[in-house]
N, C-alpha and C. Protein backbone atom coordinates (compact mmCIF):
# COMPACT_ATOMS: atom_id res chain seq x y z
N MET A 1 -76.57 -54.25 33.69
CA MET A 1 -76.98 -55.51 33.20
C MET A 1 -78.34 -55.07 32.68
N PRO A 2 -78.59 -55.41 31.50
CA PRO A 2 -79.87 -55.28 30.81
C PRO A 2 -81.13 -56.02 31.58
N PRO A 3 -82.21 -55.41 31.13
CA PRO A 3 -83.34 -56.10 31.95
C PRO A 3 -83.74 -57.43 31.28
N HIS A 4 -84.10 -58.28 32.13
CA HIS A 4 -84.39 -59.58 31.45
C HIS A 4 -85.64 -59.57 30.90
N HIS A 5 -86.20 -60.42 29.98
CA HIS A 5 -87.48 -60.40 29.35
C HIS A 5 -88.30 -61.08 30.41
N GLN A 6 -89.46 -60.34 30.93
CA GLN A 6 -90.23 -61.19 31.55
C GLN A 6 -90.91 -62.41 30.97
N LYS A 7 -91.38 -63.32 31.98
CA LYS A 7 -92.25 -64.51 31.67
C LYS A 7 -91.73 -65.29 30.59
N THR A 8 -90.31 -65.47 30.36
CA THR A 8 -89.73 -66.39 29.32
C THR A 8 -89.05 -67.58 30.12
N TRP A 9 -88.79 -67.40 31.47
CA TRP A 9 -88.28 -68.36 32.43
C TRP A 9 -87.34 -69.05 31.60
N GLY A 10 -86.34 -68.19 31.06
CA GLY A 10 -84.90 -68.50 30.67
C GLY A 10 -84.80 -69.22 29.49
N TYR A 11 -85.97 -69.30 28.53
CA TYR A 11 -85.93 -70.00 27.33
C TYR A 11 -85.19 -69.16 26.31
N ARG A 12 -84.61 -69.72 25.43
CA ARG A 12 -83.60 -68.83 24.39
C ARG A 12 -84.70 -68.49 23.18
N ASP A 13 -84.49 -67.16 22.91
CA ASP A 13 -85.20 -66.43 21.98
C ASP A 13 -86.80 -66.61 22.07
N VAL A 14 -87.33 -66.66 23.09
CA VAL A 14 -88.60 -66.70 23.47
C VAL A 14 -89.32 -65.26 24.15
N ARG A 15 -90.16 -64.67 23.53
CA ARG A 15 -90.32 -63.42 23.86
C ARG A 15 -91.87 -63.24 24.36
N ALA A 16 -92.08 -62.49 25.46
CA ALA A 16 -93.37 -62.30 25.97
C ALA A 16 -93.99 -61.23 24.99
N ARG A 17 -95.24 -61.38 24.55
CA ARG A 17 -95.85 -60.51 23.76
C ARG A 17 -96.77 -59.59 24.28
N PRO A 18 -97.17 -58.35 23.98
CA PRO A 18 -98.06 -57.63 24.80
C PRO A 18 -99.41 -58.19 24.99
N SER A 19 -99.63 -59.03 24.01
CA SER A 19 -101.15 -59.77 23.97
C SER A 19 -101.20 -60.61 25.28
N GLY A 20 -100.25 -61.29 25.89
CA GLY A 20 -100.14 -62.31 26.62
C GLY A 20 -99.63 -63.52 26.27
N GLY A 21 -99.20 -63.59 24.79
CA GLY A 21 -98.73 -64.76 24.18
C GLY A 21 -97.28 -64.58 24.18
N PHE A 22 -96.73 -65.83 23.69
CA PHE A 22 -95.27 -65.54 23.45
C PHE A 22 -94.84 -65.91 21.94
N SER A 23 -93.81 -65.24 21.56
CA SER A 23 -93.35 -65.70 20.37
C SER A 23 -92.03 -66.41 20.39
N ALA A 24 -91.54 -66.95 19.23
CA ALA A 24 -90.16 -67.58 19.05
C ALA A 24 -89.64 -67.25 17.70
N GLU A 25 -88.52 -66.94 17.57
CA GLU A 25 -87.61 -66.68 16.45
C GLU A 25 -86.38 -67.15 16.52
N ILE A 26 -85.83 -67.24 15.37
CA ILE A 26 -84.17 -67.46 15.48
C ILE A 26 -83.54 -66.56 14.27
N ARG A 27 -82.49 -66.10 14.62
CA ARG A 27 -81.60 -65.33 13.59
C ARG A 27 -80.61 -65.92 13.08
N LEU A 28 -80.46 -65.95 11.72
CA LEU A 28 -79.33 -66.77 11.14
C LEU A 28 -78.95 -65.95 9.88
N HIS A 29 -77.62 -65.69 9.99
CA HIS A 29 -77.13 -65.14 8.41
C HIS A 29 -77.90 -64.00 7.93
N GLY A 30 -78.36 -63.07 8.61
CA GLY A 30 -79.22 -61.74 8.46
C GLY A 30 -80.71 -62.33 7.94
N MET A 31 -81.02 -63.51 8.25
CA MET A 31 -82.52 -63.75 7.93
C MET A 31 -83.08 -63.95 9.35
N ARG A 32 -84.45 -64.01 9.47
CA ARG A 32 -85.15 -64.31 10.63
C ARG A 32 -85.99 -65.43 10.39
N LEU A 33 -85.92 -66.58 11.07
CA LEU A 33 -86.96 -67.73 11.21
C LEU A 33 -87.70 -67.27 12.11
N VAL A 34 -89.06 -67.05 11.71
CA VAL A 34 -90.34 -66.69 12.62
C VAL A 34 -90.97 -67.86 12.84
N LEU A 35 -90.67 -68.37 14.30
CA LEU A 35 -91.44 -69.71 14.40
C LEU A 35 -93.10 -69.68 14.97
N GLY A 36 -93.35 -68.36 15.16
CA GLY A 36 -94.83 -68.22 15.34
C GLY A 36 -95.05 -67.71 16.70
N ASN A 37 -96.42 -67.38 17.04
CA ASN A 37 -97.01 -67.09 18.28
C ASN A 37 -97.57 -68.26 18.89
N PHE A 38 -97.33 -68.27 20.29
CA PHE A 38 -97.63 -69.48 21.04
C PHE A 38 -98.44 -68.87 22.25
N ASP A 39 -99.38 -69.82 22.84
CA ASP A 39 -99.98 -69.31 24.27
C ASP A 39 -99.11 -69.47 25.27
N THR A 40 -98.15 -70.52 25.37
CA THR A 40 -97.29 -70.68 26.39
C THR A 40 -95.66 -70.49 26.00
N ALA A 41 -94.86 -70.08 27.06
CA ALA A 41 -93.59 -70.15 26.82
C ALA A 41 -92.93 -71.26 26.39
N ASN A 42 -93.44 -72.30 26.98
CA ASN A 42 -93.13 -73.75 26.90
C ASN A 42 -93.03 -74.13 25.51
N GLU A 43 -94.39 -73.79 24.87
CA GLU A 43 -94.69 -74.28 23.62
C GLU A 43 -93.71 -73.46 22.39
N ALA A 44 -93.51 -72.20 22.77
CA ALA A 44 -92.47 -71.41 22.15
C ALA A 44 -91.16 -71.98 21.98
N ALA A 45 -90.87 -72.24 23.36
CA ALA A 45 -89.39 -72.86 23.38
C ALA A 45 -89.24 -74.35 22.80
N ARG A 46 -90.39 -75.02 22.60
CA ARG A 46 -90.08 -76.24 21.88
C ARG A 46 -90.07 -76.08 20.35
N ALA A 47 -90.89 -75.12 19.94
CA ALA A 47 -90.52 -74.73 18.39
C ALA A 47 -89.37 -74.13 18.43
N TYR A 48 -88.75 -73.37 19.31
CA TYR A 48 -87.29 -73.04 18.98
C TYR A 48 -86.32 -74.20 18.98
N ASN A 49 -86.65 -75.09 19.87
CA ASN A 49 -85.78 -76.19 19.90
C ASN A 49 -85.64 -77.18 18.54
N MET A 50 -87.02 -77.26 17.96
CA MET A 50 -87.17 -78.02 16.67
C MET A 50 -86.36 -77.33 15.77
N ALA A 51 -86.49 -75.90 15.50
CA ALA A 51 -85.84 -75.20 14.46
C ALA A 51 -84.30 -75.24 14.63
N ALA A 52 -83.95 -75.27 15.99
CA ALA A 52 -82.31 -75.31 16.35
C ALA A 52 -81.80 -76.73 15.81
N TRP A 53 -82.70 -77.86 15.88
CA TRP A 53 -82.50 -79.21 15.57
C TRP A 53 -82.35 -79.41 14.05
N ARG A 54 -83.26 -78.58 13.49
CA ARG A 54 -83.02 -78.67 11.99
C ARG A 54 -82.02 -78.00 11.31
N LEU A 55 -81.48 -76.76 12.10
CA LEU A 55 -80.42 -76.08 11.72
C LEU A 55 -79.15 -76.93 12.08
N TRP A 56 -79.16 -78.09 12.84
CA TRP A 56 -77.93 -78.56 13.32
C TRP A 56 -77.20 -77.86 14.24
N TRP A 57 -77.77 -77.04 15.20
CA TRP A 57 -77.05 -76.28 16.23
C TRP A 57 -76.55 -77.12 17.21
N PRO A 58 -75.63 -76.90 18.18
CA PRO A 58 -75.24 -77.64 19.13
C PRO A 58 -76.23 -77.77 20.30
N HIS A 59 -76.37 -78.85 20.91
CA HIS A 59 -77.20 -79.04 22.06
C HIS A 59 -77.15 -77.79 23.03
N ARG A 60 -75.89 -77.07 23.34
CA ARG A 60 -75.96 -76.15 24.26
C ARG A 60 -76.84 -74.93 23.95
N THR A 61 -77.21 -74.80 22.61
CA THR A 61 -78.11 -73.53 22.07
C THR A 61 -79.53 -73.92 22.41
N LEU A 62 -79.85 -75.17 22.66
CA LEU A 62 -81.55 -75.69 22.74
C LEU A 62 -81.90 -75.03 24.31
N SER A 63 -83.20 -74.67 24.09
CA SER A 63 -83.93 -74.50 25.27
C SER A 63 -84.04 -75.70 26.20
N PHE A 64 -84.16 -76.74 25.66
CA PHE A 64 -84.11 -77.98 26.43
C PHE A 64 -83.13 -78.96 25.85
N PRO A 65 -81.66 -78.64 26.46
CA PRO A 65 -80.61 -79.60 25.89
C PRO A 65 -80.66 -81.06 26.23
N ASN A 66 -81.59 -81.31 27.03
CA ASN A 66 -81.38 -82.99 27.34
C ASN A 66 -82.66 -83.77 26.44
N LEU A 67 -83.23 -83.15 25.39
CA LEU A 67 -83.88 -83.89 24.45
C LEU A 67 -83.04 -85.21 23.86
N PRO A 68 -83.30 -86.46 23.93
CA PRO A 68 -82.66 -87.45 23.62
C PRO A 68 -82.27 -87.66 22.26
N MET A 69 -83.31 -87.36 21.31
CA MET A 69 -83.09 -87.45 19.89
C MET A 69 -83.94 -86.64 18.95
N ARG A 70 -83.60 -86.33 17.89
CA ARG A 70 -84.21 -85.34 17.00
C ARG A 70 -85.74 -85.94 16.59
N GLU A 71 -85.81 -87.07 16.44
CA GLU A 71 -87.28 -87.35 16.31
C GLU A 71 -88.32 -86.90 17.41
N ARG A 72 -87.82 -87.02 18.64
CA ARG A 72 -88.69 -86.59 19.72
C ARG A 72 -88.76 -84.77 19.80
N ALA A 73 -87.75 -84.28 19.25
CA ALA A 73 -87.87 -82.84 19.01
C ALA A 73 -89.05 -82.34 17.94
N GLN A 74 -89.01 -83.31 16.65
CA GLN A 74 -89.78 -83.12 15.82
C GLN A 74 -91.21 -83.18 16.20
N GLU A 75 -91.36 -84.17 17.06
CA GLU A 75 -92.83 -84.52 17.60
C GLU A 75 -93.23 -83.04 18.39
N LEU A 76 -92.32 -82.41 18.95
CA LEU A 76 -93.01 -81.22 19.82
C LEU A 76 -93.14 -79.99 19.10
N ALA A 77 -92.57 -79.65 17.95
CA ALA A 77 -92.88 -78.41 17.33
C ALA A 77 -92.94 -78.45 15.87
N PRO A 78 -93.90 -77.50 15.10
CA PRO A 78 -94.29 -77.21 13.88
C PRO A 78 -92.89 -76.97 12.99
N LEU A 79 -93.00 -76.87 11.80
CA LEU A 79 -91.91 -76.56 10.78
C LEU A 79 -91.86 -74.89 11.05
N PRO A 80 -90.69 -74.47 10.73
CA PRO A 80 -90.76 -72.80 10.87
C PRO A 80 -90.91 -72.23 9.48
N GLN A 81 -91.37 -70.97 9.63
CA GLN A 81 -91.48 -70.29 8.26
C GLN A 81 -90.44 -69.32 8.29
N LEU A 82 -89.73 -69.41 7.06
CA LEU A 82 -88.59 -68.34 6.69
C LEU A 82 -89.28 -67.19 6.26
N ILE A 83 -88.95 -65.98 6.92
CA ILE A 83 -89.40 -64.78 6.64
C ILE A 83 -88.02 -63.74 6.13
N THR A 84 -87.98 -63.44 4.89
CA THR A 84 -87.02 -62.41 4.66
C THR A 84 -87.83 -61.32 4.07
N ASP A 85 -87.16 -60.29 3.69
CA ASP A 85 -87.75 -59.12 2.89
C ASP A 85 -88.31 -59.43 1.81
N GLU A 86 -87.41 -60.37 0.97
CA GLU A 86 -87.80 -60.88 -0.22
C GLU A 86 -89.01 -61.68 -0.35
N ASP A 87 -89.13 -62.58 0.84
CA ASP A 87 -90.36 -63.47 1.03
C ASP A 87 -91.46 -62.71 1.19
N LEU A 88 -91.33 -61.58 2.05
CA LEU A 88 -92.60 -60.71 2.21
C LEU A 88 -93.16 -59.95 0.89
N HIS A 89 -92.16 -59.52 0.19
CA HIS A 89 -92.58 -59.00 -1.04
C HIS A 89 -93.14 -59.95 -2.11
N ASP A 90 -92.66 -61.24 -2.20
CA ASP A 90 -93.28 -62.16 -2.93
C ASP A 90 -94.74 -62.67 -2.48
N ASN A 91 -94.66 -62.73 -1.23
CA ASN A 91 -96.23 -62.90 -0.79
C ASN A 91 -96.96 -61.93 -1.06
N ARG A 92 -96.56 -60.73 -0.81
CA ARG A 92 -97.35 -59.55 -1.16
C ARG A 92 -97.98 -59.54 -2.47
N ARG A 93 -96.85 -59.80 -3.44
CA ARG A 93 -97.29 -59.87 -4.79
C ARG A 93 -98.38 -60.73 -5.43
N ARG A 94 -98.00 -61.96 -4.72
CA ARG A 94 -99.08 -63.09 -5.00
C ARG A 94 -100.42 -62.89 -4.56
N ASP A 95 -100.40 -62.30 -3.21
CA ASP A 95 -101.64 -62.01 -2.90
C ASP A 95 -102.50 -60.99 -3.47
N HIS A 96 -101.74 -60.03 -4.11
CA HIS A 96 -102.23 -59.08 -5.02
C HIS A 96 -102.94 -59.68 -6.23
N CYS A 97 -102.01 -60.70 -7.04
CA CYS A 97 -102.24 -61.26 -8.23
C CYS A 97 -103.51 -62.20 -7.99
N LEU A 98 -103.46 -62.79 -6.86
CA LEU A 98 -104.65 -63.96 -6.34
C LEU A 98 -105.93 -62.84 -6.16
N GLY A 99 -105.86 -61.66 -5.49
CA GLY A 99 -107.13 -60.84 -5.34
C GLY A 99 -107.38 -60.62 -6.80
N ILE A 100 -106.55 -60.07 -7.80
CA ILE A 100 -107.19 -59.68 -9.02
C ILE A 100 -107.83 -60.72 -9.67
N ALA A 101 -107.18 -61.93 -9.64
CA ALA A 101 -107.76 -63.28 -10.37
C ALA A 101 -109.30 -63.46 -9.67
N GLU A 102 -109.26 -63.46 -8.39
CA GLU A 102 -110.60 -63.47 -7.64
C GLU A 102 -111.75 -62.70 -8.43
N MET A 103 -111.33 -61.20 -8.57
CA MET A 103 -112.21 -60.37 -8.99
C MET A 103 -112.70 -60.71 -10.46
N ASP A 104 -111.56 -61.08 -11.19
CA ASP A 104 -111.82 -61.34 -12.57
C ASP A 104 -112.75 -62.72 -12.69
N GLU A 105 -112.63 -63.71 -11.81
CA GLU A 105 -113.40 -64.86 -11.98
C GLU A 105 -114.90 -64.44 -11.52
N GLU A 106 -115.21 -63.54 -10.48
CA GLU A 106 -116.49 -62.90 -10.29
C GLU A 106 -117.03 -62.11 -11.29
N ALA A 107 -116.35 -61.41 -11.74
CA ALA A 107 -116.66 -60.65 -12.97
C ALA A 107 -117.06 -61.41 -14.32
N MET A 108 -116.48 -62.52 -14.50
CA MET A 108 -116.74 -63.50 -15.50
C MET A 108 -117.88 -64.39 -15.40
N ALA A 109 -118.30 -64.72 -14.00
CA ALA A 109 -119.35 -65.40 -13.43
C ALA A 109 -120.55 -64.54 -13.65
N LEU A 110 -120.49 -63.30 -13.16
CA LEU A 110 -121.62 -62.35 -13.32
C LEU A 110 -122.06 -62.03 -14.79
N ARG A 111 -120.93 -62.00 -15.53
CA ARG A 111 -121.24 -61.88 -17.14
C ARG A 111 -122.02 -63.02 -17.67
N CYS A 112 -121.55 -64.34 -17.29
CA CYS A 112 -122.09 -65.54 -17.84
C CYS A 112 -123.65 -65.58 -17.59
N GLN A 113 -123.80 -65.18 -16.38
CA GLN A 113 -125.27 -65.11 -15.73
C GLN A 113 -126.17 -64.10 -16.46
N ARG A 114 -125.61 -62.80 -16.78
CA ARG A 114 -126.26 -61.56 -17.36
C ARG A 114 -126.42 -61.90 -18.89
N PHE A 115 -125.44 -62.36 -19.36
CA PHE A 115 -125.35 -62.32 -21.08
C PHE A 115 -124.91 -63.79 -21.61
N PRO A 116 -126.03 -64.80 -21.28
CA PRO A 116 -125.51 -66.20 -21.84
C PRO A 116 -125.55 -66.33 -23.11
N GLN A 117 -126.31 -65.50 -24.03
CA GLN A 117 -126.07 -65.57 -25.69
C GLN A 117 -124.63 -65.11 -26.16
N ASP A 118 -124.24 -64.24 -25.22
CA ASP A 118 -122.91 -63.86 -25.77
C ASP A 118 -121.78 -64.78 -25.60
N ILE A 119 -121.90 -65.63 -24.65
CA ILE A 119 -120.91 -66.62 -24.21
C ILE A 119 -121.01 -67.79 -25.26
N ILE A 120 -122.22 -68.08 -25.67
CA ILE A 120 -122.56 -69.03 -26.72
C ILE A 120 -121.99 -68.58 -28.04
N ASN A 121 -122.19 -67.33 -28.06
CA ASN A 121 -121.62 -66.88 -29.77
C ASN A 121 -120.18 -66.60 -29.64
N GLU A 122 -119.44 -66.43 -28.64
CA GLU A 122 -118.07 -66.40 -28.42
C GLU A 122 -117.58 -67.76 -28.75
N ARG A 123 -117.95 -68.69 -28.08
CA ARG A 123 -117.84 -70.05 -28.20
C ARG A 123 -117.62 -70.45 -29.70
N LYS A 124 -118.74 -70.23 -30.36
CA LYS A 124 -119.03 -70.61 -31.67
C LYS A 124 -117.74 -69.92 -32.70
N PHE A 125 -117.39 -68.56 -32.28
CA PHE A 125 -116.64 -67.91 -32.94
C PHE A 125 -115.28 -68.35 -32.96
N TYR A 126 -114.73 -68.84 -31.43
CA TYR A 126 -113.38 -69.23 -31.36
C TYR A 126 -113.08 -70.73 -31.77
N VAL A 127 -114.03 -71.61 -31.82
CA VAL A 127 -113.93 -73.03 -32.16
C VAL A 127 -113.03 -73.24 -33.57
N PRO A 128 -113.64 -72.86 -34.47
CA PRO A 128 -112.82 -73.04 -35.65
C PRO A 128 -111.43 -72.39 -35.70
N ARG A 129 -111.28 -71.30 -34.88
CA ARG A 129 -109.94 -70.59 -34.96
C ARG A 129 -109.07 -71.50 -34.16
N ARG A 130 -109.58 -71.93 -33.18
CA ARG A 130 -108.72 -72.77 -32.32
C ARG A 130 -108.42 -74.06 -33.06
N ALA A 131 -109.20 -74.57 -33.82
CA ALA A 131 -108.99 -75.73 -34.49
C ALA A 131 -107.66 -75.60 -35.67
N GLU A 132 -108.09 -74.43 -36.23
CA GLU A 132 -106.94 -74.10 -37.27
C GLU A 132 -105.39 -73.76 -36.58
N ARG A 133 -105.59 -73.15 -35.47
CA ARG A 133 -104.37 -72.98 -34.58
C ARG A 133 -103.70 -74.39 -34.38
N ASP A 134 -104.41 -75.08 -33.89
CA ASP A 134 -103.94 -76.59 -33.67
C ASP A 134 -103.36 -77.34 -34.53
N LYS A 135 -103.97 -77.07 -35.69
CA LYS A 135 -103.60 -77.66 -36.99
C LYS A 135 -102.34 -77.16 -37.31
N ARG A 136 -101.99 -75.95 -37.45
CA ARG A 136 -100.89 -75.21 -37.83
C ARG A 136 -99.78 -75.58 -36.88
N ARG A 137 -100.08 -75.76 -35.52
CA ARG A 137 -98.92 -76.13 -34.45
C ARG A 137 -98.55 -77.70 -34.80
N SER A 138 -99.42 -78.60 -35.16
CA SER A 138 -99.03 -80.00 -35.44
C SER A 138 -98.29 -80.03 -36.75
N GLU A 139 -98.73 -79.18 -37.73
CA GLU A 139 -97.80 -79.09 -39.04
C GLU A 139 -96.52 -78.78 -38.80
N ARG A 140 -96.20 -77.65 -37.86
CA ARG A 140 -94.75 -77.20 -37.60
C ARG A 140 -94.09 -78.19 -36.68
N ALA A 141 -94.81 -79.03 -35.94
CA ALA A 141 -94.00 -79.76 -34.89
C ALA A 141 -93.44 -80.99 -35.89
N ALA A 142 -94.55 -81.34 -37.04
CA ALA A 142 -94.11 -82.53 -37.87
C ALA A 142 -92.79 -82.04 -38.71
N TYR A 143 -93.05 -80.84 -39.19
CA TYR A 143 -91.94 -80.19 -40.05
C TYR A 143 -90.63 -80.21 -39.39
N ARG A 144 -90.78 -79.65 -38.14
CA ARG A 144 -89.27 -79.71 -37.32
C ARG A 144 -88.91 -81.16 -37.16
N LYS A 145 -89.74 -81.99 -36.62
CA LYS A 145 -89.37 -83.44 -36.70
C LYS A 145 -88.59 -84.09 -37.77
N ASP A 146 -89.44 -83.74 -38.76
CA ASP A 146 -88.83 -84.31 -40.25
C ASP A 146 -87.41 -83.58 -40.60
N LYS A 147 -87.48 -82.28 -40.27
CA LYS A 147 -86.20 -81.52 -40.32
C LYS A 147 -85.08 -82.12 -39.50
N ARG A 148 -85.33 -82.52 -38.42
CA ARG A 148 -84.31 -83.21 -37.21
C ARG A 148 -83.89 -84.43 -38.06
N ARG A 149 -85.01 -85.27 -38.44
CA ARG A 149 -84.61 -86.49 -38.98
C ARG A 149 -83.66 -86.43 -40.17
N ARG A 150 -83.91 -85.55 -41.11
CA ARG A 150 -83.06 -85.42 -42.39
C ARG A 150 -81.57 -84.85 -41.94
N LYS A 151 -81.48 -84.10 -40.98
CA LYS A 151 -80.17 -83.43 -40.36
C LYS A 151 -79.52 -84.77 -39.81
N ALA A 152 -80.03 -85.79 -39.02
CA ALA A 152 -79.44 -86.87 -38.41
C ALA A 152 -78.92 -87.80 -39.53
N ASP A 153 -79.84 -88.02 -40.55
CA ASP A 153 -79.42 -88.70 -41.69
C ASP A 153 -78.24 -88.34 -42.42
N ALA A 154 -78.06 -86.90 -42.65
CA ALA A 154 -77.16 -86.37 -43.51
C ALA A 154 -75.84 -86.60 -42.82
């Protein structure tokens, strides 16, 4: 018989962490629902219960099968986080892009402080060009609208 996980007191999918805490997770169709790390096994089991309720699993799969209703289970546990390889990849990409954007903002703020006249000159340069661009866009939109109206009339 395989060794029983220590300090979980029979709760489903609750594992003791080397740090002394507990983690809970659910595996479903090749995905892993990571419910998080908790201070006590009871908290981890409550998180597992809520996730099982949300997945509409039968009562026999719950750590506490005697919970009377779903609302009570929701009070006991937070929403689970879905973690797949694709989610991890997307999160890393977003974090990378966010880091680059933050560095750009810092560089622009520093540039504005050091070279205020350059910023003023750029604004003067681009204001008439933006006005021309906006005028062309509105003319094109009016032309398309007129074209659609003529086509509908025909």
